[in-house]
Amino acid sequence: MSKKIRDVDFLSASARVRALENELLTEEQLEQLITAKSDEEESKLLQSFGYGELEPRHPEALDADLTAKRAEELVDLADFLPEPGVLDVFRIKYDYHNVKALLKAEAMDVSPDEMLTDLGRASVEEMCVAHRERDGSHLPGHIDDAAREGYDILSATRDPQLSDMAVDRWYFRDLLETAEASDSAFLTGWVRLQIDAANLRALVRTLRMGKNEDFLRGVLFEGGVVSTDEVLRISANGGNGLAEFYAPTRLAAAAEAGAETLRGGAPTEFEKRCDDALSVYLADARLIPFGGEPVLAYLAALETEYTNLRIILMGRAAGVPADVIRARLRAGSV
């Protein structure tokens, strides 16, 4: 959204989103899937919910089907938006996913085809050509910067984790710059919360692994509301005061779960609450009559729906108890 774009310019997009929101799965429908008595009943329910082609027992096929649905939704909404800024904040992550996929495929000497997704701002074809020619200067955002640094690190260290962290750093920079260019405080706040959640995850994981502050400093991202210096200070204290520090923030519940994880608890609830914080942030956006916010809220709710479907379907296929599946579901249903 450039500064010339007004909320009323989103009237058509907002109307389309209101119609699409009626198709989002409800908590009751998710519960029906969890408690389906057989694979046949599950399949019939999926068909009635518009997801008949999903293959729960084949993760790769399931992911491919959900990716195809994402693509359809993005194309649909693009026709109604006055400019692409809101969609770009969802497309950007696929650009950087493709950067990492291309780098790993080259390092492993395998084809990247099955790892790539055509949901980013740059097409898969453009990404592949840029990677092959080592020139992505024509690609949007910081894709070229990320690819170059990731490649240099991977070539020097053969450590894909270090390469991924470098790419992610460019990803969050690109994401924040795109949000700020939209002139939407709401969108920018959502991106900053993503950075804060990523840094909180890094803090808890680093402490659980017994790594030092130098390691943590290398995996933190700039741009959040909580400064990296403050995160490092908590690390220096061994995680003491973690919950208290985050208590006034939107990550209060996540930090409480993180503190419990550091005391030996399972990390599942912590990861879930980090995701839930983002969904809660977007909840009020659905009440706004028109503008970029309802579009953003719908796209995020759709992402949560896909995540929950994957949790349910793969959980059932693996024989995970219903109560455990319920506990793993992300907030954000209608």
C-alpha atoms as a PDB file:
ATOM      1  CA  MET A   1       0.000   0.000   0.000  1.00  0.00           C
ATOM      2  CA  SER A   2       1.578   3.250  -1.057  1.00  0.00           C
ATOM      3  CA  LYS A   3       0.604   6.385   0.796  1.00  0.00           C
ATOM      4  CA  LYS A   4      -1.814   7.276  -1.997  1.00  0.00           C
ATOM      5  CA  ILE A   5      -3.890   4.178  -1.266  1.00  0.00           C
ATOM      6  CA  ARG A   6      -6.827   4.796   1.080  1.00  0.00           C
ATOM      7  CA  ASP A   7      -8.821   2.328   3.148  1.00  0.00           C
ATOM      8  CA  VAL A   8     -11.849   2.856   0.907  1.00  0.00           C
ATOM      9  CA  ASP A   9      -9.790   1.607  -2.030  1.00  0.00           C
ATOM     10  CA  PHE A  10     -10.004  -1.813  -0.391  1.00  0.00           C
ATOM     11  CA  LEU A  11     -13.804  -1.979  -0.574  1.00  0.00           C
ATOM     12  CA  SER A  12     -13.833  -4.667  -3.260  1.00  0.00           C
ATOM     13  CA  ALA A  13     -11.115  -6.689  -1.557  1.00  0.00           C
ATOM     14  CA  SER A  14     -12.860  -6.388   1.808  1.00  0.00           C
ATOM     15  CA  ALA A  15     -16.143  -7.576   0.308  1.00  0.00           C
ATOM     16  CA  ARG A  16     -14.380 -10.544  -1.278  1.00  0.00           C
ATOM     17  CA  VAL A  17     -12.698 -11.392   2.050  1.00  0.00           C
ATOM     18  CA  ARG A  18     -16.030 -11.306   3.889  1.00  0.00           C
ATOM     19  CA  ALA A  19     -17.377 -13.850   1.433  1.00  0.00           C
ATOM     20  CA  LEU A  20     -14.291 -16.052   1.734  1.00  0.00           C
ATOM     21  CA  GLU A  21     -14.345 -15.917   5.544  1.00  0.00           C
ATOM     22  CA  ASN A  22     -17.621 -17.842   5.452  1.00  0.00           C
ATOM     23  CA  GLU A  23     -15.705 -20.745   3.903  1.00  0.00           C
ATOM     24  CA  LEU A  24     -13.081 -20.977   6.667  1.00  0.00           C
ATOM     25  CA  LEU A  25     -13.338 -24.120   8.763  1.00  0.00           C
ATOM     26  CA  THR A  26     -14.981 -23.698  12.154  1.00  0.00           C
ATOM     27  CA  GLU A  27     -13.863 -25.274  15.424  1.00  0.00           C
ATOM     28  CA  GLU A  28     -16.803 -27.665  15.106  1.00  0.00           C
ATOM     29  CA  GLN A  29     -15.660 -28.806  11.673  1.00  0.00           C
ATOM     30  CA  LEU A  30     -12.099 -29.321  12.881  1.00  0.00           C
ATOM     31  CA  GLU A  31     -13.465 -31.372  15.780  1.00  0.00           C
ATOM     32  CA  GLN A  32     -15.423 -33.520  13.312  1.00  0.00           C
ATOM     33  CA  LEU A  33     -12.177 -34.323  11.518  1.00  0.00           C
ATOM     34  CA  ILE A  34     -10.388 -35.131  14.775  1.00  0.00           C
ATOM     35  CA  THR A  35     -13.117 -37.543  15.889  1.00  0.00           C
ATOM     36  CA  ALA A  36     -13.921 -39.142  12.520  1.00  0.00           C
ATOM     37  CA  LYS A  37     -14.420 -42.875  13.124  1.00  0.00           C
ATOM     38  CA  SER A  38     -12.617 -44.001   9.980  1.00  0.00           C
ATOM     39  CA  ASP A  39     -10.466 -42.827   7.083  1.00  0.00           C
ATOM     40  CA  GLU A  40     -13.535 -43.074   4.881  1.00  0.00           C
ATOM     41  CA  GLU A  41     -15.510 -40.751   7.147  1.00  0.00           C
ATOM     42  CA  GLU A  42     -12.548 -38.372   7.280  1.00  0.00           C
ATOM     43  CA  SER A  43     -12.378 -38.354   3.481  1.00  0.00           C
ATOM     44  CA  LYS A  44     -16.104 -37.606   3.176  1.00  0.00           C
ATOM     45  CA  LEU A  45     -15.796 -34.743   5.637  1.00  0.00           C
ATOM     46  CA  LEU A  46     -12.849 -33.291   3.717  1.00  0.00           C
ATOM     47  CA  GLN A  47     -14.886 -33.436   0.517  1.00  0.00           C
ATOM     48  CA  SER A  48     -17.822 -31.670   2.141  1.00  0.00           C
ATOM     49  CA  PHE A  49     -15.428 -28.975   3.430  1.00  0.00           C
ATOM     50  CA  GLY A  50     -13.945 -28.444  -0.039  1.00  0.00           C
ATOM     51  CA  TYR A  51     -10.707 -30.359   0.633  1.00  0.00           C
ATOM     52  CA  GLY A  52     -11.492 -33.614  -1.107  1.00  0.00           C
ATOM     53  CA  GLU A  53      -8.164 -33.954  -2.892  1.00  0.00           C
ATOM     54  CA  LEU A  54      -5.988 -34.032   0.247  1.00  0.00           C
ATOM     55  CA  GLU A  55      -3.958 -37.172   0.927  1.00  0.00           C
ATOM     56  CA  PRO A  56      -3.459 -37.388   4.714  1.00  0.00           C
ATOM     57  CA  ARG A  57      -1.184 -40.437   4.638  1.00  0.00           C
ATOM     58  CA  HIS A  58       1.263 -38.900   2.174  1.00  0.00           C
ATOM     59  CA  PRO A  59       2.868 -35.747   3.692  1.00  0.00           C
ATOM     60  CA  GLU A  60       4.491 -34.624   0.439  1.00  0.00           C
ATOM     61  CA  ALA A  61       1.205 -34.872  -1.456  1.00  0.00           C
ATOM     62  CA  LEU A  62      -0.643 -33.150   1.396  1.00  0.00           C
ATOM     63  CA  ASP A  63       1.808 -30.239   1.369  1.00  0.00           C
ATOM     64  CA  ALA A  64       1.591 -29.974  -2.410  1.00  0.00           C
ATOM     65  CA  ASP A  65      -2.210 -29.839  -2.291  1.00  0.00           C
ATOM     66  CA  LEU A  66      -2.220 -27.155   0.402  1.00  0.00           C
ATOM     67  CA  THR A  67       0.355 -25.161  -1.550  1.00  0.00           C
ATOM     68  CA  ALA A  68      -1.871 -25.303  -4.623  1.00  0.00           C
ATOM     69  CA  LYS A  69      -4.780 -23.983  -2.560  1.00  0.00           C
ATOM     70  CA  ARG A  70      -2.607 -21.133  -1.271  1.00  0.00           C
ATOM     71  CA  ALA A  71      -1.754 -20.212  -4.836  1.00  0.00           C
ATOM     72  CA  GLU A  72      -5.417 -20.159  -5.850  1.00  0.00           C
ATOM     73  CA  GLU A  73      -6.336 -17.883  -2.950  1.00  0.00           C
ATOM     74  CA  LEU A  74      -3.496 -15.452  -3.656  1.00  0.00           C
ATOM     75  CA  VAL A  75      -4.414 -15.199  -7.324  1.00  0.00           C
ATOM     76  CA  ASP A  76      -8.067 -14.706  -6.412  1.00  0.00           C
ATOM     77  CA  LEU A  77      -7.377 -11.888  -3.944  1.00  0.00           C
ATOM     78  CA  ALA A  78      -4.813 -10.182  -6.179  1.00  0.00           C
ATOM     79  CA  ASP A  79      -7.595  -9.312  -8.621  1.00  0.00           C
ATOM     80  CA  PHE A  80      -9.409  -7.322  -5.913  1.00  0.00           C
ATOM     81  CA  LEU A  81      -6.508  -5.460  -4.268  1.00  0.00           C
ATOM     82  CA  PRO A  82      -5.567  -1.865  -5.198  1.00  0.00           C
ATOM     83  CA  GLU A  83      -1.856  -2.782  -4.794  1.00  0.00           C
ATOM     84  CA  PRO A  84       0.183  -5.871  -3.837  1.00  0.00           C
ATOM     85  CA  GLY A  85       1.663  -4.822  -0.478  1.00  0.00           C
ATOM     86  CA  VAL A  86      -0.560  -6.974   1.738  1.00  0.00           C
ATOM     87  CA  LEU A  87      -0.064 -10.060  -0.414  1.00  0.00           C
ATOM     88  CA  ASP A  88       3.672  -9.466  -0.596  1.00  0.00           C
ATOM     89  CA  VAL A  89       4.110  -9.942   3.147  1.00  0.00           C
ATOM     90  CA  PHE A  90       2.789 -13.468   2.630  1.00  0.00           C
ATOM     91  CA  ARG A  91       4.677 -14.098  -0.599  1.00  0.00           C
ATOM     92  CA  ILE A  92       8.061 -12.979   0.707  1.00  0.00           C
ATOM     93  CA  LYS A  93       8.611 -16.049   2.885  1.00  0.00           C
ATOM     94  CA  TYR A  94       8.347 -18.293  -0.177  1.00  0.00           C
ATOM     95  CA  ASP A  95      11.050 -16.279  -1.954  1.00  0.00           C
ATOM     96  CA  TYR A  96      13.469 -16.998   0.869  1.00  0.00           C
ATOM     97  CA  HIS A  97      12.321 -20.590   1.205  1.00  0.00           C
ATOM     98  CA  ASN A  98      13.307 -21.011  -2.439  1.00  0.00           C
ATOM     99  CA  VAL A  99      16.695 -19.390  -1.832  1.00  0.00           C
ATOM    100  CA  LYS A 100      17.440 -21.933   0.908  1.00  0.00           C
ATOM    101  CA  ALA A 101      16.114 -24.808  -1.188  1.00  0.00           C
ATOM    102  CA  LEU A 102      18.335 -23.919  -4.146  1.00  0.00           C
ATOM    103  CA  LEU A 103      21.418 -23.576  -1.957  1.00  0.00           C
ATOM    104  CA  LYS A 104      20.821 -26.897  -0.200  1.00  0.00           C
ATOM    105  CA  ALA A 105      20.071 -28.719  -3.440  1.00  0.00           C
ATOM    106  CA  GLU A 106      23.330 -27.500  -4.958  1.00  0.00           C
ATOM    107  CA  ALA A 107      25.314 -28.457  -1.855  1.00  0.00           C
ATOM    108  CA  MET A 108      23.773 -31.944  -1.875  1.00  0.00           C
ATOM    109  CA  ASP A 109      24.006 -32.276  -5.660  1.00  0.00           C
ATOM    110  CA  VAL A 110      20.311 -33.078  -6.028  1.00  0.00           C
ATOM    111  CA  SER A 111      17.444 -31.548  -7.970  1.00  0.00           C
ATOM    112  CA  PRO A 112      15.642 -28.732  -6.122  1.00  0.00           C
ATOM    113  CA  ASP A 113      12.370 -29.218  -8.018  1.00  0.00           C
ATOM    114  CA  GLU A 114      10.414 -30.934  -5.252  1.00  0.00           C
ATOM    115  CA  MET A 115      11.535 -28.333  -2.690  1.00  0.00           C
ATOM    116  CA  LEU A 116      10.561 -25.232  -4.670  1.00  0.00           C
ATOM    117  CA  THR A 117       7.224 -23.449  -4.529  1.00  0.00           C
ATOM    118  CA  ASP A 118       5.837 -20.914  -6.980  1.00  0.00           C
ATOM    119  CA  LEU A 119       4.142 -18.700  -4.384  1.00  0.00           C
ATOM    120  CA  GLY A 120       6.755 -15.964  -4.017  1.00  0.00           C
ATOM    121  CA  ARG A 121       7.062 -12.602  -5.689  1.00  0.00           C
ATOM    122  CA  ALA A 122       9.703 -14.078  -7.990  1.00  0.00           C
ATOM    123  CA  SER A 123       8.744 -17.112 -10.034  1.00  0.00           C
ATOM    124  CA  VAL A 124      10.550 -20.424  -9.597  1.00  0.00           C
ATOM    125  CA  GLU A 125      11.921 -20.052 -13.116  1.00  0.00           C
ATOM    126  CA  GLU A 126      13.358 -16.622 -12.309  1.00  0.00           C
ATOM    127  CA  MET A 127      14.881 -17.938  -9.086  1.00  0.00           C
ATOM    128  CA  CYS A 128      16.482 -20.915 -10.817  1.00  0.00           C
ATOM    129  CA  VAL A 129      17.990 -18.774 -13.576  1.00  0.00           C
ATOM    130  CA  ALA A 130      19.319 -16.263 -11.045  1.00  0.00           C
ATOM    131  CA  HIS A 131      20.853 -19.050  -8.986  1.00  0.00           C
ATOM    132  CA  ARG A 132      22.440 -20.711 -11.994  1.00  0.00           C
ATOM    133  CA  GLU A 133      23.892 -17.444 -13.288  1.00  0.00           C
ATOM    134  CA  ARG A 134      24.776 -16.150  -9.792  1.00  0.00           C
ATOM    135  CA  ASP A 135      22.941 -12.922 -10.565  1.00  0.00           C
ATOM    136  CA  GLY A 136      19.669 -12.046  -8.891  1.00  0.00           C
ATOM    137  CA  SER A 137      20.082  -8.291  -9.077  1.00  0.00           C
ATOM    138  CA  HIS A 138      16.790  -8.043 -10.969  1.00  0.00           C
ATOM    139  CA  LEU A 139      14.829  -9.904  -8.277  1.00  0.00           C
ATOM    140  CA  PRO A 140      12.686  -8.012  -5.740  1.00  0.00           C
ATOM    141  CA  GLY A 141      13.698  -7.085  -2.219  1.00  0.00           C
ATOM    142  CA  HIS A 142      16.882  -8.582  -0.814  1.00  0.00           C
ATOM    143  CA  ILE A 143      16.652 -11.969  -2.512  1.00  0.00           C
ATOM    144  CA  ASP A 144      19.975 -11.476  -4.284  1.00  0.00           C
ATOM    145  CA  ASP A 145      21.711 -10.357  -1.079  1.00  0.00           C
ATOM    146  CA  ALA A 146      20.374 -13.400   0.756  1.00  0.00           C
ATOM    147  CA  ALA A 147      21.417 -15.821  -1.979  1.00  0.00           C
ATOM    148  CA  ARG A 148      24.929 -14.408  -2.199  1.00  0.00           C
ATOM    149  CA  GLU A 149      25.569 -14.436   1.547  1.00  0.00           C
ATOM    150  CA  GLY A 150      23.972 -17.838   2.011  1.00  0.00           C
ATOM    151  CA  TYR A 151      26.090 -19.272  -0.798  1.00  0.00           C
ATOM    152  CA  ASP A 152      29.321 -17.772   0.579  1.00  0.00           C
ATOM    153  CA  ILE A 153      28.640 -19.133   4.073  1.00  0.00           C
ATOM    154  CA  LEU A 154      27.663 -22.573   2.813  1.00  0.00           C
ATOM    155  CA  SER A 155      30.743 -22.740   0.573  1.00  0.00           C
ATOM    156  CA  ALA A 156      33.065 -21.725   3.404  1.00  0.00           C
ATOM    157  CA  THR A 157      31.551 -23.706   6.285  1.00  0.00           C
ATOM    158  CA  ARG A 158      29.397 -26.458   4.734  1.00  0.00           C
ATOM    159  CA  ASP A 159      26.990 -25.631   7.564  1.00  0.00           C
ATOM    160  CA  PRO A 160      23.416 -25.307   6.228  1.00  0.00           C
ATOM    161  CA  GLN A 161      22.167 -23.952   9.570  1.00  0.00           C
ATOM    162  CA  LEU A 162      24.502 -20.961   9.387  1.00  0.00           C
ATOM    163  CA  SER A 163      23.519 -20.387   5.776  1.00  0.00           C
ATOM    164  CA  ASP A 164      19.817 -20.554   6.638  1.00  0.00           C
ATOM    165  CA  MET A 165      20.249 -18.028   9.452  1.00  0.00           C
ATOM    166  CA  ALA A 166      21.890 -15.569   7.072  1.00  0.00           C
ATOM    167  CA  VAL A 167      19.039 -16.000   4.583  1.00  0.00           C
ATOM    168  CA  ASP A 168      16.464 -15.568   7.353  1.00  0.00           C
ATOM    169  CA  ARG A 169      18.114 -12.344   8.442  1.00  0.00           C
ATOM    170  CA  TRP A 170      17.603 -10.916   4.961  1.00  0.00           C
ATOM    171  CA  TYR A 171      14.072 -12.294   4.959  1.00  0.00           C
ATOM    172  CA  PHE A 172      13.047 -10.405   8.080  1.00  0.00           C
ATOM    173  CA  ARG A 173      14.734  -7.258   6.798  1.00  0.00           C
ATOM    174  CA  ASP A 174      12.813  -7.512   3.510  1.00  0.00           C
ATOM    175  CA  LEU A 175       9.580  -8.283   5.371  1.00  0.00           C
ATOM    176  CA  LEU A 176       9.908  -5.291   7.683  1.00  0.00           C
ATOM    177  CA  GLU A 177      10.854  -2.897   4.875  1.00  0.00           C
ATOM    178  CA  THR A 178       7.841  -4.046   2.847  1.00  0.00           C
ATOM    179  CA  ALA A 179       5.519  -3.548   5.808  1.00  0.00           C
ATOM    180  CA  GLU A 180       6.932  -0.103   6.598  1.00  0.00           C
ATOM    181  CA  ALA A 181       6.581   0.943   2.957  1.00  0.00           C
ATOM    182  CA  SER A 182       2.879   0.106   3.191  1.00  0.00           C
ATOM    183  CA  ASP A 183       2.384   2.971   5.657  1.00  0.00           C
ATOM    184  CA  SER A 184       0.257   0.590   7.746  1.00  0.00           C
ATOM    185  CA  ALA A 185       1.049   0.636  11.453  1.00  0.00           C
ATOM    186  CA  PHE A 186      -1.032  -2.505  11.869  1.00  0.00           C
ATOM    187  CA  LEU A 187       0.925  -4.456   9.262  1.00  0.00           C
ATOM    188  CA  THR A 188       4.258  -3.205  10.588  1.00  0.00           C
ATOM    189  CA  GLY A 189       3.253  -4.212  14.102  1.00  0.00           C
ATOM    190  CA  TRP A 190       2.417  -7.696  12.900  1.00  0.00           C
ATOM    191  CA  VAL A 191       5.848  -8.079  11.298  1.00  0.00           C
ATOM    192  CA  ARG A 192       7.625  -6.775  14.408  1.00  0.00           C
ATOM    193  CA  LEU A 193       5.719  -9.323  16.477  1.00  0.00           C
ATOM    194  CA  GLN A 194       6.938 -12.066  14.127  1.00  0.00           C
ATOM    195  CA  ILE A 195      10.510 -10.931  14.740  1.00  0.00           C
ATOM    196  CA  ASP A 196       9.948 -10.845  18.509  1.00  0.00           C
ATOM    197  CA  ALA A 197       8.501 -14.371  18.389  1.00  0.00           C
ATOM    198  CA  ALA A 198      11.455 -15.626  16.335  1.00  0.00           C
ATOM    199  CA  ASN A 199      13.875 -14.098  18.833  1.00  0.00           C
ATOM    200  CA  LEU A 200      12.012 -15.571  21.807  1.00  0.00           C
ATOM    201  CA  ARG A 201      12.172 -18.982  20.152  1.00  0.00           C
ATOM    202  CA  ALA A 202      15.903 -18.500  19.566  1.00  0.00           C
ATOM    203  CA  LEU A 203      16.414 -17.519  23.208  1.00  0.00           C
ATOM    204  CA  VAL A 204      14.623 -20.567  24.598  1.00  0.00           C
ATOM    205  CA  ARG A 205      16.260 -22.982  22.162  1.00  0.00           C
ATOM    206  CA  THR A 206      19.716 -21.552  22.863  1.00  0.00           C
ATOM    207  CA  LEU A 207      19.278 -21.906  26.611  1.00  0.00           C
ATOM    208  CA  ARG A 208      17.949 -25.457  26.233  1.00  0.00           C
ATOM    209  CA  MET A 209      20.997 -26.410  24.157  1.00  0.00           C
ATOM    210  CA  GLY A 210      23.359 -24.834  26.684  1.00  0.00           C
ATOM    211  CA  LYS A 211      24.823 -22.473  24.098  1.00  0.00           C
ATOM    212  CA  ASN A 212      26.459 -19.189  25.066  1.00  0.00           C
ATOM    213  CA  GLU A 213      25.506 -15.589  24.355  1.00  0.00           C
ATOM    214  CA  ASP A 214      27.816 -15.349  21.358  1.00  0.00           C
ATOM    215  CA  PHE A 215      25.849 -18.129  19.696  1.00  0.00           C
ATOM    216  CA  LEU A 216      22.556 -16.421  20.523  1.00  0.00           C
ATOM    217  CA  ARG A 217      23.783 -13.092  19.192  1.00  0.00           C
ATOM    218  CA  GLY A 218      24.374 -14.746  15.840  1.00  0.00           C
ATOM    219  CA  VAL A 219      20.822 -16.075  15.543  1.00  0.00           C
ATOM    220  CA  LEU A 220      18.841 -13.008  16.645  1.00  0.00           C
ATOM    221  CA  PHE A 221      17.055 -10.681  14.228  1.00  0.00           C
ATOM    222  CA  GLU A 222      16.832  -6.896  14.360  1.00  0.00           C
ATOM    223  CA  GLY A 223      13.574  -4.993  14.023  1.00  0.00           C
ATOM    224  CA  GLY A 224      11.413  -6.311  16.842  1.00  0.00           C
ATOM    225  CA  VAL A 225       9.813  -4.307  19.624  1.00  0.00           C
ATOM    226  CA  VAL A 226      12.006  -6.155  22.131  1.00  0.00           C
ATOM    227  CA  SER A 227      15.621  -5.234  21.424  1.00  0.00           C
ATOM    228  CA  THR A 228      18.249  -7.900  20.890  1.00  0.00           C
ATOM    229  CA  ASP A 229      20.223  -6.432  23.809  1.00  0.00           C
ATOM    230  CA  GLU A 230      17.300  -7.174  26.129  1.00  0.00           C
ATOM    231  CA  VAL A 231      17.068 -10.745  24.826  1.00  0.00           C
ATOM    232  CA  LEU A 232      20.800 -11.204  25.398  1.00  0.00           C
ATOM    233  CA  ARG A 233      20.456  -9.862  28.932  1.00  0.00           C
ATOM    234  CA  ILE A 234      17.875 -12.540  29.740  1.00  0.00           C
ATOM    235  CA  SER A 235      20.224 -15.141  28.295  1.00  0.00           C
ATOM    236  CA  ALA A 236      23.073 -13.889  30.482  1.00  0.00           C
ATOM    237  CA  ASN A 237      20.820 -14.488  33.498  1.00  0.00           C
ATOM    238  CA  GLY A 238      20.252 -18.082  32.438  1.00  0.00           C
ATOM    239  CA  GLY A 239      16.650 -17.344  31.509  1.00  0.00           C
ATOM    240  CA  ASN A 240      15.743 -16.078  34.976  1.00  0.00           C
ATOM    241  CA  GLY A 241      12.994 -13.479  34.774  1.00  0.00           C
ATOM    242  CA  LEU A 242      11.939 -14.566  31.268  1.00  0.00           C
ATOM    243  CA  ALA A 243       8.209 -14.686  31.991  1.00  0.00           C
ATOM    244  CA  GLU A 244       8.278 -11.505  34.050  1.00  0.00           C
ATOM    245  CA  PHE A 245      10.094  -9.542  31.344  1.00  0.00           C
ATOM    246  CA  TYR A 246       7.644 -10.519  28.610  1.00  0.00           C
ATOM    247  CA  ALA A 247       4.568 -10.186  30.854  1.00  0.00           C
ATOM    248  CA  PRO A 248       3.579  -6.714  29.474  1.00  0.00           C
ATOM    249  CA  THR A 249       4.007  -7.859  25.855  1.00  0.00           C
ATOM    250  CA  ARG A 250       1.884  -9.832  23.397  1.00  0.00           C
ATOM    251  CA  LEU A 251       4.200 -12.779  23.986  1.00  0.00           C
ATOM    252  CA  ALA A 252       3.383 -13.082  27.691  1.00  0.00           C
ATOM    253  CA  ALA A 253       1.726 -16.511  27.413  1.00  0.00           C
ATOM    254  CA  ALA A 254       4.458 -17.768  25.089  1.00  0.00           C
ATOM    255  CA  ALA A 255       7.164 -16.627  27.501  1.00  0.00           C
ATOM    256  CA  GLU A 256       5.430 -18.416  30.385  1.00  0.00           C
ATOM    257  CA  ALA A 257       5.417 -21.602  28.332  1.00  0.00           C
ATOM    258  CA  GLY A 258       9.040 -20.942  27.380  1.00  0.00           C
ATOM    259  CA  ALA A 259      10.014 -20.663  31.038  1.00  0.00           C
ATOM    260  CA  GLU A 260       8.261 -23.976  31.685  1.00  0.00           C
ATOM    261  CA  THR A 261      10.180 -25.527  28.791  1.00  0.00           C
ATOM    262  CA  LEU A 262      13.458 -24.391  30.372  1.00  0.00           C
ATOM    263  CA  ARG A 263      12.406 -26.194  33.552  1.00  0.00           C
ATOM    264  CA  GLY A 264      12.178 -29.431  31.585  1.00  0.00           C
ATOM    265  CA  GLY A 265       8.743 -29.185  30.005  1.00  0.00           C
ATOM    266  CA  ALA A 266       7.997 -30.211  26.434  1.00  0.00           C
ATOM    267  CA  PRO A 267       8.477 -27.416  23.858  1.00  0.00           C
ATOM    268  CA  THR A 268       5.214 -28.180  22.003  1.00  0.00           C
ATOM    269  CA  GLU A 269       3.091 -25.786  24.054  1.00  0.00           C
ATOM    270  CA  PHE A 270       5.730 -23.066  23.809  1.00  0.00           C
ATOM    271  CA  GLU A 271       5.836 -23.260  20.011  1.00  0.00           C
ATOM    272  CA  LYS A 272       2.045 -23.245  19.861  1.00  0.00           C
ATOM    273  CA  ARG A 273       1.744 -20.139  22.025  1.00  0.00           C
ATOM    274  CA  CYS A 274       4.275 -18.273  19.894  1.00  0.00           C
ATOM    275  CA  ASP A 275       2.071 -18.937  16.866  1.00  0.00           C
ATOM    276  CA  ASP A 276      -1.083 -18.103  18.805  1.00  0.00           C
ATOM    277  CA  ALA A 277       0.271 -14.668  19.734  1.00  0.00           C
ATOM    278  CA  LEU A 278       0.302 -13.746  16.053  1.00  0.00           C
ATOM    279  CA  SER A 279      -3.256 -15.002  15.571  1.00  0.00           C
ATOM    280  CA  VAL A 280      -4.494 -13.047  18.579  1.00  0.00           C
ATOM    281  CA  TYR A 281      -2.874  -9.887  17.201  1.00  0.00           C
ATOM    282  CA  LEU A 282      -4.935 -10.262  14.037  1.00  0.00           C
ATOM    283  CA  ALA A 283      -8.230 -11.079  15.766  1.00  0.00           C
ATOM    284  CA  ASP A 284      -9.463  -7.482  16.001  1.00  0.00           C
ATOM    285  CA  ALA A 285      -8.703  -6.863  12.328  1.00  0.00           C
ATOM    286  CA  ARG A 286     -11.755  -8.878  11.345  1.00  0.00           C
ATOM    287  CA  LEU A 287     -13.930  -6.252  12.998  1.00  0.00           C
ATOM    288  CA  ILE A 288     -12.601  -3.476  10.754  1.00  0.00           C
ATOM    289  CA  PRO A 289     -15.113  -2.917   7.919  1.00  0.00           C
ATOM    290  CA  PHE A 290     -12.603  -2.315   5.121  1.00  0.00           C
ATOM    291  CA  GLY A 291      -8.934  -1.662   4.471  1.00  0.00           C
ATOM    292  CA  GLY A 292      -5.808  -3.769   4.323  1.00  0.00           C
ATOM    293  CA  GLU A 293      -6.279  -5.180   7.823  1.00  0.00           C
ATOM    294  CA  PRO A 294      -9.226  -7.533   7.054  1.00  0.00           C
ATOM    295  CA  VAL A 295      -7.313  -8.909   4.064  1.00  0.00           C
ATOM    296  CA  LEU A 296      -4.268  -9.544   6.234  1.00  0.00           C
ATOM    297  CA  ALA A 297      -6.400 -11.184   8.927  1.00  0.00           C
ATOM    298  CA  TYR A 298      -8.064 -13.479   6.392  1.00  0.00           C
ATOM    299  CA  LEU A 299      -4.765 -14.577   4.856  1.00  0.00           C
ATOM    300  CA  ALA A 300      -3.344 -15.319   8.301  1.00  0.00           C
ATOM    301  CA  ALA A 301      -6.495 -17.253   9.274  1.00  0.00           C
ATOM    302  CA  LEU A 302      -6.169 -19.267   6.078  1.00  0.00           C
ATOM    303  CA  GLU A 303      -2.539 -20.094   6.900  1.00  0.00           C
ATOM    304  CA  THR A 304      -3.649 -21.222  10.362  1.00  0.00           C
ATOM    305  CA  GLU A 305      -6.355 -23.382   8.814  1.00  0.00           C
ATOM    306  CA  TYR A 306      -3.778 -25.114   6.614  1.00  0.00           C
ATOM    307  CA  THR A 307      -1.505 -25.651   9.622  1.00  0.00           C
ATOM    308  CA  ASN A 308      -4.345 -27.114  11.684  1.00  0.00           C
ATOM    309  CA  LEU A 309      -5.450 -29.392   8.850  1.00  0.00           C
ATOM    310  CA  ARG A 310      -1.918 -30.729   8.559  1.00  0.00           C
ATOM    311  CA  ILE A 311      -1.724 -31.292  12.326  1.00  0.00           C
ATOM    312  CA  ILE A 312      -5.049 -33.158  12.352  1.00  0.00           C
ATOM    313  CA  LEU A 313      -4.585 -35.253   9.238  1.00  0.00           C
ATOM    314  CA  MET A 314      -0.986 -36.253   9.885  1.00  0.00           C
ATOM    315  CA  GLY A 315      -1.739 -36.783  13.573  1.00  0.00           C
ATOM    316  CA  ARG A 316      -4.588 -39.160  12.793  1.00  0.00           C
ATOM    317  CA  ALA A 317      -2.485 -40.983  10.195  1.00  0.00           C
ATOM    318  CA  ALA A 318       0.238 -41.488  12.835  1.00  0.00           C
ATOM    319  CA  GLY A 319      -2.225 -42.666  15.480  1.00  0.00           C
ATOM    320  CA  VAL A 320      -1.799 -39.612  17.728  1.00  0.00           C
ATOM    321  CA  PRO A 321      -4.541 -39.461  20.423  1.00  0.00           C
ATOM    322  CA  ALA A 322      -7.349 -36.939  19.835  1.00  0.00           C
ATOM    323  CA  ASP A 323      -6.543 -34.960  23.000  1.00  0.00           C
ATOM    324  CA  VAL A 324      -2.942 -34.513  21.893  1.00  0.00           C
ATOM    325  CA  ILE A 325      -4.050 -33.342  18.445  1.00  0.00           C
ATOM    326  CA  ARG A 326      -6.432 -30.800  20.006  1.00  0.00           C
ATOM    327  CA  ALA A 327      -3.658 -29.471  22.218  1.00  0.00           C
ATOM    328  CA  ARG A 328      -1.447 -28.871  19.209  1.00  0.00           C
ATOM    329  CA  LEU A 329      -3.968 -26.863  17.190  1.00  0.00           C
ATOM    330  CA  ARG A 330      -3.164 -23.198  16.592  1.00  0.00           C
ATOM    331  CA  ALA A 331      -5.547 -20.419  17.534  1.00  0.00           C
ATOM    332  CA  GLY A 332      -7.225 -18.560  14.700  1.00  0.00           C
ATOM    333  CA  SER A 333     -10.360 -20.467  13.778  1.00  0.00           C
ATOM    334  CA  VAL A 334     -13.526 -18.535  13.011  1.00  0.00           C
END
